[in-house]
Amino acid sequence: MNIVVVGLGYVGAVTAACLAELGHTVVGVDVDQRKVEELDAGRSPIVEPRLDDLVAATRASGRFRVTTELGEAMSDCHAAVVCVGTPARSDGTVDLGYVEKVTAEIGRELSHASGFVAVVYRSTMPPGTVDGRLRPVLERESSRKADVDFGVAMVPEFLREGSGVYDFLNPPFTVAGVRDDRTLDVVTALFAGLDRPTHALTIEVAESLKYACNAFHALKVTFANEIGRILSALDVDSREVMQVFRQDDRLNISPAYLRPGFAFGGSCLPKDLRALLHVARVHDVEVPMLNGVLRSNETHLRLALRRVLDAGERDVALLGLSFKPETDDLRESPFVELAETLAGKGIRLRIYDPIVNPDRLIGANLRYMESRLPHLREMLVSVPEDAVRGVSMAVVGTSDASTVRALLEARPAHVLDVHGRLGSAVEALPGYEGLAW
């Protein structure tokens, strides 16, 4: 395809050269004459491994050229890939001035485009920016209609400085935030040479994914550093600890736990985190991120409580009681705490859990229940149908098949999903609401 890449900074230069390497004919556009001259001479304007050679090779082959004139570049293109900067202001907001200016210029060029052109944004922007602010600019300046006369897409980049070329050519996936099938076809063809799956998403989800990824990367760095500070105070080599920590790809470095749901609980996570924080306090080590974990967990629990109370219903079914499915462990279960608080506020509860049987509670589990929910036997029912019958609200923390069937039959006026995996049929119920999705 014929591709225009607008903005030849770090992301744009890597993107342009790599797309040319994949076989597309690429025109790079930038207002900085010096960048254009460097690239025109076959040299990269930024320091990045492999990029100099890639620029030189694709310039020599004729698949990559550069210019300062957007109009000339867009005369016969299939896609305009926007890679201009979106710098942060001092208050944390994003400066969209550059991307809005470029968008307006592209829109004016679209007004006389002879074919369908996809405008593909790679610049990082807050969710809602492309659809809410940039698409209207394109339509206004072109006097044409998005999804009909031209396409709009968000394809976030996941390039690390120092390994940008490698990351472009070896991505974990390609994300295509699109509004129509023609634009999806263009994006798919654009990155087809990478032999990676393309995930078709909404534009807002694609915008959000970039921020989620970067926030998680920052979180991982901070986690490792805070663990390092604690262990250093104990004369433990944190590098050795984290080296073995990284070997666990079933829980530590894996998809495990990375799904929005309810608060964590159980006999391990809260207890061990509190113990680690105590060690930090004893040794006068500041670990603000780890300190915030328990507070954040409590905030999630309070969110569920507020959603139930705001519904104004007095008879509520609580489906799920143990701290996670497939166990009867009730110790520090957020569901037990939720039930205790709701009961204390006069809410009449019926509780069903596919595993928990009050007649079989023994040991620590029994002592915990007697201290937190002494009237559990009066609330607990043996089948989910009895829990949801006649109630106006169900709080659901299990995707047990019998629970899902009971919900679909009873169709309560309010369904608060704190599990996140109940299925499309439940989510289609008129009163359905997810806790944080």
Protein backbone atom coordinates (compact mmCIF):
# COMPACT_ATOMS: atom_id res chain seq x y z
CA MET A 1 0.00 0.00 0.00
CA ASN A 2 0.92 3.67 -0.26
CA ILE A 3 1.37 4.99 3.27
CA VAL A 4 1.96 8.46 4.69
CA VAL A 5 3.54 8.71 8.13
CA VAL A 6 3.05 12.15 9.69
CA GLY A 7 5.59 13.04 12.38
CA LEU A 8 9.11 11.61 12.19
CA GLY A 9 10.18 11.62 15.81
CA TYR A 10 10.95 8.44 17.70
CA VAL A 11 7.68 6.61 16.97
CA GLY A 12 7.23 8.03 13.49
CA ALA A 13 10.76 7.32 12.24
CA VAL A 14 10.64 3.73 13.48
CA THR A 15 7.12 3.23 12.12
CA ALA A 16 7.94 4.67 8.69
CA ALA A 17 11.13 2.68 8.20
CA CYS A 18 9.60 -0.56 9.44
CA LEU A 19 6.49 -0.22 7.26
CA ALA A 20 8.78 0.31 4.28
CA GLU A 21 10.74 -2.76 5.33
CA LEU A 22 7.45 -4.71 5.27
CA GLY A 23 7.07 -3.79 1.59
CA HIS A 24 4.81 -0.73 1.67
CA THR A 25 5.67 2.47 -0.18
CA VAL A 26 6.05 5.05 2.58
CA VAL A 27 6.28 8.83 2.53
CA GLY A 28 7.39 10.39 5.80
CA VAL A 29 6.24 13.93 6.56
CA ASP A 30 7.63 16.33 9.14
CA VAL A 31 7.80 20.11 9.51
CA ASP A 32 11.37 19.86 10.83
CA GLN A 33 13.57 20.40 7.78
CA ARG A 34 16.62 19.02 9.57
CA LYS A 35 14.91 15.66 10.29
CA VAL A 36 13.79 15.44 6.70
CA GLU A 37 17.32 16.15 5.42
CA GLU A 38 18.83 13.48 7.68
CA LEU A 39 16.33 10.85 6.55
CA ASP A 40 16.67 11.92 2.92
CA ALA A 41 20.39 11.23 3.24
CA GLY A 42 19.62 7.73 4.55
CA ARG A 43 20.39 8.49 8.19
CA SER A 44 18.15 8.19 11.22
CA PRO A 45 17.45 11.46 13.09
CA ILE A 46 17.31 9.55 16.38
CA VAL A 47 19.63 7.09 18.10
CA GLU A 48 18.02 3.69 17.88
CA PRO A 49 19.66 0.29 17.21
CA ARG A 50 19.18 -0.99 13.62
CA LEU A 51 17.29 2.11 12.51
CA ASP A 52 20.18 3.67 10.57
CA ASP A 53 20.59 0.53 8.47
CA LEU A 54 16.85 0.21 7.95
CA VAL A 55 16.50 3.83 6.83
CA ALA A 56 19.44 3.51 4.47
CA ALA A 57 18.16 0.27 2.94
CA THR A 58 14.57 1.41 2.43
CA ARG A 59 15.68 4.79 1.05
CA ALA A 60 17.97 3.01 -1.42
CA SER A 61 15.17 0.67 -2.50
CA GLY A 62 12.84 3.59 -3.18
CA ARG A 63 10.18 2.35 -0.75
CA PHE A 64 10.81 5.22 1.69
CA ARG A 65 11.05 8.91 0.94
CA VAL A 66 10.52 12.05 3.01
CA THR A 67 9.07 15.52 2.55
CA THR A 68 7.79 18.55 4.44
CA GLU A 69 4.69 18.79 2.22
CA LEU A 70 1.67 16.85 3.44
CA GLY A 71 -0.41 17.59 0.34
CA GLU A 72 2.14 16.05 -1.99
CA ALA A 73 2.48 12.99 0.24
CA MET A 74 -1.27 12.31 0.47
CA SER A 75 -2.01 12.61 -3.23
CA ASP A 76 -2.39 8.84 -3.67
CA CYS A 77 -2.28 7.16 -0.26
CA HIS A 78 -4.31 4.38 1.35
CA ALA A 79 -3.52 5.33 4.93
CA ALA A 80 -2.21 8.38 6.82
CA VAL A 81 -0.48 7.25 10.00
CA VAL A 82 -0.29 10.00 12.63
CA CYS A 83 2.72 9.82 14.96
CA VAL A 84 3.06 13.40 16.24
CA GLY A 85 3.80 14.11 19.88
CA THR A 86 1.20 14.44 22.63
CA PRO A 87 3.34 15.90 25.44
CA ALA A 88 2.19 16.23 29.04
CA ARG A 89 1.42 19.59 30.59
CA SER A 90 2.52 20.45 34.13
CA ASP A 91 -0.94 19.58 35.50
CA GLY A 92 -0.87 16.08 33.96
CA THR A 93 -3.22 16.84 31.07
CA VAL A 94 -2.17 15.97 27.54
CA ASP A 95 -1.32 18.71 25.06
CA LEU A 96 -3.29 17.83 21.95
CA GLY A 97 -2.25 20.92 20.02
CA TYR A 98 0.09 19.14 17.60
CA VAL A 99 -2.24 16.26 16.84
CA GLU A 100 -5.23 18.57 16.36
CA LYS A 101 -3.25 20.76 13.95
CA VAL A 102 -2.14 17.75 11.91
CA THR A 103 -5.66 16.33 11.97
CA ALA A 104 -7.05 19.54 10.51
CA GLU A 105 -4.41 19.48 7.74
CA ILE A 106 -5.19 15.85 6.93
CA GLY A 107 -8.89 16.68 6.87
CA ARG A 108 -8.34 19.38 4.26
CA GLU A 109 -6.40 16.91 2.13
CA LEU A 110 -9.19 14.34 2.47
CA SER A 111 -11.61 16.81 0.89
CA HIS A 112 -10.20 15.99 -2.54
CA ALA A 113 -9.02 12.40 -2.01
CA SER A 114 -10.06 10.15 -4.89
CA GLY A 115 -10.39 6.97 -2.82
CA PHE A 116 -10.97 5.66 0.68
CA VAL A 117 -8.18 6.74 3.06
CA ALA A 118 -7.79 5.42 6.63
CA VAL A 119 -6.48 7.96 9.14
CA VAL A 120 -4.56 5.82 11.63
CA TYR A 121 -3.51 7.39 14.93
CA ARG A 122 -0.45 6.02 16.72
CA SER A 123 -0.04 8.99 19.08
CA THR A 124 -0.93 8.22 22.68
CA MET A 125 -4.11 10.05 23.72
CA PRO A 126 -6.66 9.76 26.55
CA PRO A 127 -9.69 7.55 25.88
CA GLY A 128 -12.36 9.40 23.92
CA THR A 129 -9.97 11.77 22.14
CA VAL A 130 -10.06 10.25 18.65
CA ASP A 131 -13.83 9.85 18.46
CA GLY A 132 -14.74 12.86 20.55
CA ARG A 133 -12.25 15.49 19.34
CA LEU A 134 -10.37 14.38 16.24
CA ARG A 135 -13.01 12.65 14.11
CA PRO A 136 -15.22 15.79 14.16
CA VAL A 137 -12.22 17.84 12.99
CA LEU A 138 -11.62 15.46 10.09
CA GLU A 139 -15.28 15.61 9.09
CA ARG A 140 -15.45 19.41 9.39
CA GLU A 141 -12.28 20.10 7.42
CA SER A 142 -13.00 17.53 4.71
CA SER A 143 -16.77 18.07 4.45
CA ARG A 144 -16.93 14.27 4.31
CA LYS A 145 -18.30 11.53 6.53
CA ALA A 146 -16.19 9.19 8.62
CA ASP A 147 -16.79 5.45 8.01
CA VAL A 148 -18.26 6.31 4.60
CA ASP A 149 -15.77 8.52 2.76
CA PHE A 150 -12.73 7.88 4.95
CA GLY A 151 -11.80 5.71 7.92
CA VAL A 152 -10.58 6.48 11.43
CA ALA A 153 -8.49 4.11 13.54
CA MET A 154 -6.44 4.01 16.71
CA VAL A 155 -3.47 1.65 16.53
CA PRO A 156 -1.34 2.24 19.63
CA GLU A 157 2.37 1.58 19.49
CA PHE A 158 4.23 -0.53 22.03
CA LEU A 159 7.79 0.51 21.25
CA ARG A 160 10.55 0.75 23.85
CA GLU A 161 13.35 3.21 23.26
CA GLY A 162 16.49 1.20 22.61
CA SER A 163 14.61 -1.72 21.05
CA GLY A 164 12.01 0.07 18.91
CA VAL A 165 12.77 -1.67 15.62
CA TYR A 166 12.75 -5.08 17.27
CA ASP A 167 9.51 -4.28 19.10
CA PHE A 168 7.81 -3.09 15.90
CA LEU A 169 8.78 -6.20 13.95
CA ASN A 170 8.06 -8.58 16.86
CA PRO A 171 4.95 -7.27 18.62
CA PRO A 172 2.84 -9.35 21.02
CA PHE A 173 -0.20 -8.40 18.92
CA THR A 174 -1.62 -5.66 16.73
CA VAL A 175 -4.47 -3.61 18.15
CA ALA A 176 -6.92 -2.06 15.70
CA GLY A 177 -9.36 0.38 17.25
CA VAL A 178 -11.82 0.90 14.39
CA ARG A 179 -15.40 1.89 13.60
CA ASP A 180 -15.96 0.05 10.29
CA ASP A 181 -14.84 -3.02 8.37
CA ARG A 182 -13.10 -1.17 5.54
CA THR A 183 -10.80 0.58 7.97
CA LEU A 184 -10.11 -2.73 9.73
CA ASP A 185 -9.11 -4.21 6.36
CA VAL A 186 -6.65 -1.35 5.78
CA VAL A 187 -5.09 -1.70 9.24
CA THR A 188 -4.88 -5.49 8.88
CA ALA A 189 -3.11 -5.13 5.52
CA LEU A 190 -0.84 -2.42 6.93
CA PHE A 191 0.61 -4.77 9.56
CA ALA A 192 0.04 -8.09 7.78
CA GLY A 193 3.76 -8.71 7.39
CA LEU A 194 4.24 -9.01 11.14
CA ASP A 195 2.45 -12.38 11.33
CA ARG A 196 0.76 -11.52 14.62
CA PRO A 197 -2.94 -11.59 15.50
CA THR A 198 -4.90 -8.37 15.00
CA HIS A 199 -7.39 -7.55 17.75
CA ALA A 200 -10.32 -5.52 16.44
CA LEU A 201 -11.52 -3.25 19.24
CA THR A 202 -13.43 -0.05 19.67
CA ILE A 203 -11.35 3.10 19.37
CA GLU A 204 -11.85 3.90 23.08
CA VAL A 205 -10.64 0.45 24.14
CA ALA A 206 -7.54 0.78 21.94
CA GLU A 207 -6.76 4.19 23.42
CA SER A 208 -7.24 2.81 26.94
CA LEU A 209 -5.04 -0.24 26.36
CA LYS A 210 -1.95 1.90 25.81
CA TYR A 211 -2.43 3.64 29.15
CA ALA A 212 -3.15 0.36 30.94
CA CYS A 213 0.08 -1.14 29.58
CA ASN A 214 2.25 1.81 30.57
CA ALA A 215 0.67 2.07 34.02
CA PHE A 216 1.39 -1.63 34.58
CA HIS A 217 4.99 -1.24 33.47
CA ALA A 218 5.43 1.66 35.91
CA LEU A 219 3.78 -0.47 38.61
CA LYS A 220 6.21 -3.34 38.00
CA VAL A 221 9.26 -1.08 38.28
CA THR A 222 7.92 0.44 41.49
CA PHE A 223 7.03 -2.96 42.94
CA ALA A 224 10.53 -4.31 42.32
CA ASN A 225 12.11 -1.20 43.82
CA GLU A 226 9.92 -1.27 46.94
CA ILE A 227 10.62 -4.97 47.51
CA GLY A 228 14.29 -4.13 47.00
CA ARG A 229 14.19 -1.41 49.66
CA ILE A 230 12.56 -3.72 52.22
CA LEU A 231 14.90 -6.63 51.57
CA SER A 232 17.95 -4.42 51.52
CA ALA A 233 17.09 -3.33 55.07
CA LEU A 234 17.11 -7.03 56.02
CA ASP A 235 20.44 -7.68 54.25
CA VAL A 236 18.67 -9.94 51.74
CA ASP A 237 19.78 -9.80 48.10
CA SER A 238 16.62 -8.60 46.36
CA ARG A 239 18.15 -9.30 42.95
CA GLU A 240 18.31 -13.00 43.75
CA VAL A 241 14.74 -12.95 45.09
CA MET A 242 13.37 -11.24 41.99
CA GLN A 243 15.41 -13.45 39.66
CA VAL A 244 13.57 -16.51 40.98
CA PHE A 245 10.32 -14.52 41.25
CA ARG A 246 10.41 -14.01 37.48
CA GLN A 247 10.64 -17.75 36.86
CA ASP A 248 7.00 -18.22 37.87
CA ASP A 249 5.04 -17.74 34.66
CA ARG A 250 1.91 -19.37 36.08
CA LEU A 251 1.13 -16.65 38.63
CA ASN A 252 3.80 -13.95 38.88
CA ILE A 253 4.48 -13.15 35.22
CA SER A 254 1.25 -14.33 33.66
CA PRO A 255 -2.40 -13.40 32.99
CA ALA A 256 -3.32 -14.60 36.48
CA TYR A 257 -5.23 -12.01 38.53
CA LEU A 258 -5.21 -9.46 35.71
CA ARG A 259 -8.99 -9.29 35.32
CA PRO A 260 -11.28 -6.66 36.84
CA GLY A 261 -13.39 -8.29 39.52
CA PHE A 262 -13.97 -8.03 43.26
CA ALA A 263 -11.58 -7.26 46.11
CA PHE A 264 -8.95 -9.83 47.06
CA GLY A 265 -9.13 -11.78 50.31
CA GLY A 266 -8.34 -15.19 51.73
CA SER A 267 -5.88 -16.48 54.27
CA CYS A 268 -2.70 -15.41 52.44
CA LEU A 269 -2.76 -12.15 50.51
CA PRO A 270 -4.08 -9.74 53.17
CA LYS A 271 -2.14 -11.38 56.02
CA ASP A 272 1.18 -11.57 54.20
CA LEU A 273 0.92 -8.06 52.80
CA ARG A 274 0.27 -6.67 56.28
CA ALA A 275 3.27 -8.62 57.60
CA LEU A 276 5.51 -7.22 54.86
CA LEU A 277 4.29 -3.68 55.58
CA HIS A 278 5.04 -4.22 59.29
CA VAL A 279 8.61 -5.23 58.42
CA ALA A 280 8.94 -2.05 56.35
CA ARG A 281 7.69 0.12 59.22
CA VAL A 282 10.03 -1.54 61.75
CA HIS A 283 13.00 -0.79 59.50
CA ASP A 284 11.77 2.71 58.61
CA VAL A 285 11.43 1.86 54.92
CA GLU A 286 8.93 3.89 52.89
CA VAL A 287 6.82 1.77 50.51
CA PRO A 288 3.93 4.02 49.44
CA MET A 289 2.76 1.78 46.61
CA LEU A 290 2.53 -1.36 48.75
CA ASN A 291 0.89 0.70 51.51
CA GLY A 292 -1.74 1.75 49.00
CA VAL A 293 -2.67 -1.79 47.99
CA LEU A 294 -4.82 -2.54 51.03
CA ARG A 295 -6.43 0.91 50.86
CA SER A 296 -7.27 0.35 47.20
CA ASN A 297 -8.72 -3.07 48.02
CA GLU A 298 -10.95 -1.52 50.68
CA THR A 299 -12.04 1.15 48.19
CA HIS A 300 -13.20 -1.58 45.79
CA LEU A 301 -15.24 -3.19 48.57
CA ARG A 302 -16.81 0.16 49.46
CA LEU A 303 -17.70 0.68 45.80
CA ALA A 304 -19.75 -2.55 45.81
CA LEU A 305 -21.40 -1.57 49.07
CA ARG A 306 -22.36 1.83 47.69
CA ARG A 307 -23.82 0.31 44.52
CA VAL A 308 -26.04 -1.99 46.60
CA LEU A 309 -27.21 0.74 48.94
CA ASP A 310 -27.82 3.18 46.09
CA ALA A 311 -30.18 0.66 44.48
CA GLY A 312 -32.49 1.14 47.46
CA GLU A 313 -33.55 -2.50 47.69
CA ARG A 314 -34.11 -4.14 51.10
CA ASP A 315 -34.09 -7.79 49.94
CA VAL A 316 -30.83 -8.82 48.32
CA ALA A 317 -29.40 -12.13 47.12
CA LEU A 318 -25.65 -12.60 47.60
CA LEU A 319 -24.41 -15.30 45.23
CA GLY A 320 -20.95 -16.33 46.31
CA LEU A 321 -19.45 -16.13 49.80
CA SER A 322 -15.96 -17.66 49.86
CA PHE A 323 -13.08 -15.37 48.95
CA LYS A 324 -12.86 -16.97 45.49
CA PRO A 325 -14.71 -19.70 43.54
CA GLU A 326 -13.95 -23.40 43.98
CA THR A 327 -13.05 -23.09 47.67
CA ASP A 328 -14.95 -22.94 50.95
CA ASP A 329 -12.36 -20.70 52.64
CA LEU A 330 -14.20 -17.76 54.18
CA ARG A 331 -11.26 -16.16 55.99
CA GLU A 332 -11.00 -12.48 55.08
CA SER A 333 -13.46 -13.01 52.26
CA PRO A 334 -14.61 -9.63 50.91
CA PHE A 335 -18.04 -11.21 50.41
CA VAL A 336 -18.29 -11.97 54.12
CA GLU A 337 -17.39 -8.38 54.92
CA LEU A 338 -19.93 -7.13 52.37
CA ALA A 339 -22.61 -9.40 53.85
CA GLU A 340 -21.76 -8.29 57.39
CA THR A 341 -22.02 -4.60 56.47
CA LEU A 342 -25.24 -5.00 54.52
CA ALA A 343 -26.86 -7.01 57.32
CA GLY A 344 -25.79 -4.33 59.78
CA LYS A 345 -27.62 -1.74 57.68
CA GLY A 346 -30.84 -3.68 57.78
CA ILE A 347 -30.62 -5.38 54.37
CA ARG A 348 -32.33 -8.78 54.36
CA LEU A 349 -29.89 -11.21 52.77
CA ARG A 350 -30.25 -14.60 51.18
CA ILE A 351 -26.86 -16.14 50.53
CA TYR A 352 -25.93 -18.96 48.19
CA ASP A 353 -22.47 -20.38 47.55
CA PRO A 354 -21.97 -23.53 45.46
CA ILE A 355 -19.24 -24.78 47.83
CA VAL A 356 -19.92 -23.38 51.28
CA ASN A 357 -22.00 -25.62 53.54
CA PRO A 358 -22.53 -24.19 57.05
CA ASP A 359 -22.99 -27.66 58.54
CA ARG A 360 -19.46 -28.62 57.43
CA LEU A 361 -17.62 -25.50 58.62
CA ILE A 362 -14.87 -26.43 61.07
CA GLY A 363 -11.70 -24.95 62.58
CA ALA A 364 -10.58 -21.46 61.61
CA ASN A 365 -13.31 -21.21 59.00
CA LEU A 366 -16.02 -21.84 61.61
CA ARG A 367 -14.49 -19.45 64.15
CA TYR A 368 -14.21 -16.74 61.52
CA MET A 369 -17.85 -17.12 60.50
CA GLU A 370 -19.09 -17.15 64.08
CA SER A 371 -17.29 -13.88 64.73
CA ARG A 372 -18.36 -12.14 61.52
CA LEU A 373 -21.71 -13.67 60.49
CA PRO A 374 -23.15 -15.53 63.48
CA HIS A 375 -26.55 -15.76 61.77
CA LEU A 376 -25.19 -17.30 58.55
CA ARG A 377 -27.35 -20.43 58.83
CA GLU A 378 -30.44 -18.26 58.76
CA MET A 379 -29.28 -16.52 55.58
CA LEU A 380 -27.75 -19.40 53.66
CA VAL A 381 -29.87 -21.34 51.15
CA SER A 382 -28.99 -24.59 49.46
CA VAL A 383 -29.91 -23.72 45.85
CA PRO A 384 -29.53 -20.44 43.93
CA GLU A 385 -33.21 -20.42 42.93
CA ASP A 386 -34.15 -19.93 46.59
CA ALA A 387 -31.70 -17.06 46.87
CA VAL A 388 -33.00 -15.05 43.90
CA ARG A 389 -36.71 -15.89 44.23
CA GLY A 390 -38.64 -12.71 45.01
CA VAL A 391 -35.61 -10.44 45.51
CA SER A 392 -35.12 -7.26 43.49
CA MET A 393 -31.33 -7.30 43.58
CA ALA A 394 -28.61 -9.94 43.20
CA VAL A 395 -24.93 -9.40 43.91
CA VAL A 396 -23.07 -12.07 41.94
CA GLY A 397 -19.57 -13.31 42.74
CA THR A 398 -19.63 -16.73 41.07
CA SER A 399 -20.18 -17.95 37.52
CA ASP A 400 -21.38 -21.36 38.68
CA ALA A 401 -23.70 -22.74 35.98
CA SER A 402 -26.65 -23.20 38.35
CA THR A 403 -26.29 -19.60 39.51
CA VAL A 404 -26.32 -18.29 35.96
CA ARG A 405 -29.43 -20.33 35.15
CA ALA A 406 -31.21 -19.05 38.24
CA LEU A 407 -30.42 -15.44 37.34
CA LEU A 408 -31.72 -15.87 33.79
CA GLU A 409 -34.94 -17.39 35.09
CA ALA A 410 -35.59 -14.94 37.93
CA ARG A 411 -34.36 -11.80 36.09
CA PRO A 412 -33.97 -9.56 39.18
CA ALA A 413 -34.49 -5.84 38.65
CA HIS A 414 -30.84 -5.22 39.62
CA VAL A 415 -27.89 -7.53 38.98
CA LEU A 416 -24.54 -6.30 40.32
CA ASP A 417 -21.77 -8.41 38.79
CA VAL A 418 -18.58 -8.39 40.88
CA HIS A 419 -17.21 -11.49 39.11
CA GLY A 420 -16.91 -10.30 35.52
CA ARG A 421 -17.39 -13.63 33.79
CA LEU A 422 -21.12 -14.37 33.92
CA GLY A 423 -21.55 -14.48 30.15
CA SER A 424 -23.33 -12.40 27.55
CA ALA A 425 -26.83 -13.66 28.43
CA VAL A 426 -26.61 -12.32 31.98
CA GLU A 427 -24.99 -9.11 30.81
CA ALA A 428 -27.92 -8.58 28.45
CA LEU A 429 -30.42 -8.51 31.34
CA PRO A 430 -32.06 -5.07 31.67
CA GLY A 431 -30.87 -4.56 35.23
CA TYR A 432 -27.29 -5.76 34.74
CA GLU A 433 -24.40 -3.63 36.01
CA GLY A 434 -20.72 -4.51 36.20
CA LEU A 435 -18.78 -3.35 39.24
CA ALA A 436 -15.89 -1.75 37.37
CA TRP A 437 -16.32 -2.46 33.65
